[in-house]
């Protein structure tokens, strides 16, 4: 049972809204560009999370990453996590 839903009486509520990925979200994720050698996740200091991006170029240990929200970031290569694309969890808010 989700933590924010208080159980009153009767059976537990259906957990499928939190577990099932909608067909619209699946289509949206399939439309995103993905290249196994260029796709990466960059740390976002503002939110403490990660942004999805594509590596544009490398210059020594500096990497230029184009964030999919049309921003461009230049960071040190050691800060790029080596997380495969399919490992990151899908969550919608």
Protein backbone atom coordinates (compact mmCIF):
# COMPACT_ATOMS: atom_id res chain seq x y z
CA UNK A 1 0.00 0.00 0.00
CA UNK A 2 1.40 3.47 -0.83
CA UNK A 3 2.58 5.41 2.18
CA UNK A 4 0.43 8.47 1.57
CA UNK A 5 -2.86 6.53 1.26
CA UNK A 6 -4.42 5.79 4.62
CA UNK A 7 -6.27 2.52 4.86
CA UNK A 8 -9.71 2.91 6.34
CA UNK A 9 -11.72 -0.28 6.08
CA UNK A 10 -12.05 -3.02 3.55
CA UNK A 11 -9.50 -4.46 1.15
CA UNK A 12 -6.23 -2.80 0.25
CA UNK A 13 -6.40 -0.26 -2.60
CA UNK A 14 -5.31 -1.33 -6.07
CA UNK A 15 -1.54 -0.68 -6.50
CA UNK A 16 -1.62 -0.76 -10.33
CA UNK A 17 -1.56 3.06 -10.80
CA UNK A 18 1.89 3.06 -9.18
CA UNK A 19 3.18 -0.03 -10.95
CA UNK A 20 1.89 0.09 -14.52
CA UNK A 21 3.57 2.32 -17.12
CA UNK A 22 0.97 3.95 -19.33
CA UNK A 23 1.06 3.36 -23.12
CA UNK A 24 1.48 7.13 -23.67
CA UNK A 25 4.62 7.17 -21.50
CA UNK A 26 6.00 4.12 -23.31
CA UNK A 27 5.57 5.84 -26.69
CA UNK A 28 7.16 9.04 -25.36
CA UNK A 29 10.18 7.09 -24.08
CA UNK A 30 10.57 5.23 -27.39
CA UNK A 31 10.66 8.56 -29.27
CA UNK A 32 13.67 9.85 -27.27
CA UNK A 33 17.06 9.71 -29.00
CA UNK A 34 19.32 7.00 -27.64
CA UNK A 35 22.82 5.98 -28.65
CA UNK A 36 24.50 3.46 -26.38
CA UNK A 37 27.90 5.13 -26.80
CA UNK A 38 26.73 8.75 -26.44
CA UNK A 39 23.85 8.62 -23.97
CA UNK A 40 24.68 9.55 -20.39
CA UNK A 41 23.30 10.97 -17.16
CA UNK A 42 24.75 14.22 -15.80
CA UNK A 43 24.47 15.24 -12.15
CA UNK A 44 22.13 18.15 -11.44
CA UNK A 45 23.29 20.08 -8.37
CA UNK A 46 20.06 22.09 -8.13
CA UNK A 47 17.78 19.09 -7.63
CA UNK A 48 20.30 16.50 -6.45
CA UNK A 49 19.20 14.20 -9.29
CA UNK A 50 20.38 13.53 -12.82
CA UNK A 51 19.63 14.92 -16.28
CA UNK A 52 19.56 12.78 -19.40
CA UNK A 53 21.90 13.91 -22.17
CA UNK A 54 23.99 13.03 -25.21
CA UNK A 55 27.78 13.41 -25.32
CA UNK A 56 28.66 15.95 -28.02
CA UNK A 57 32.45 15.97 -27.75
CA UNK A 58 35.36 15.09 -25.50
CA UNK A 59 38.49 17.15 -24.93
CA UNK A 60 40.91 15.27 -22.70
CA UNK A 61 39.00 14.61 -19.51
CA UNK A 62 36.40 17.34 -20.21
CA UNK A 63 33.14 16.25 -21.82
CA UNK A 64 30.53 18.45 -23.51
CA UNK A 65 27.04 17.05 -22.95
CA UNK A 66 23.86 18.28 -24.63
CA UNK A 67 21.04 17.94 -22.10
CA UNK A 68 17.77 16.85 -23.72
CA UNK A 69 16.12 20.04 -22.44
CA UNK A 70 18.33 22.00 -24.90
CA UNK A 71 20.99 22.99 -22.36
CA UNK A 72 24.68 22.29 -22.89
CA UNK A 73 26.98 21.41 -20.00
CA UNK A 74 30.75 20.98 -19.91
CA UNK A 75 31.83 18.75 -17.04
CA UNK A 76 34.73 16.57 -15.99
CA UNK A 77 34.51 13.03 -17.33
CA UNK A 78 34.89 11.45 -13.88
CA UNK A 79 31.54 12.97 -12.85
CA UNK A 80 29.62 11.09 -15.56
CA UNK A 81 28.10 8.01 -13.98
CA UNK A 82 28.33 4.85 -16.02
CA UNK A 83 24.68 3.88 -15.59
CA UNK A 84 23.07 1.93 -18.44
CA UNK A 85 19.98 3.57 -19.92
CA UNK A 86 17.59 0.81 -18.94
CA UNK A 87 18.68 0.73 -15.26
CA UNK A 88 17.30 4.16 -14.34
CA UNK A 89 13.83 3.75 -12.84
CA UNK A 90 10.77 5.18 -14.56
CA UNK A 91 8.79 7.47 -12.33
CA UNK A 92 6.15 10.00 -13.21
CA UNK A 93 4.98 12.75 -10.97
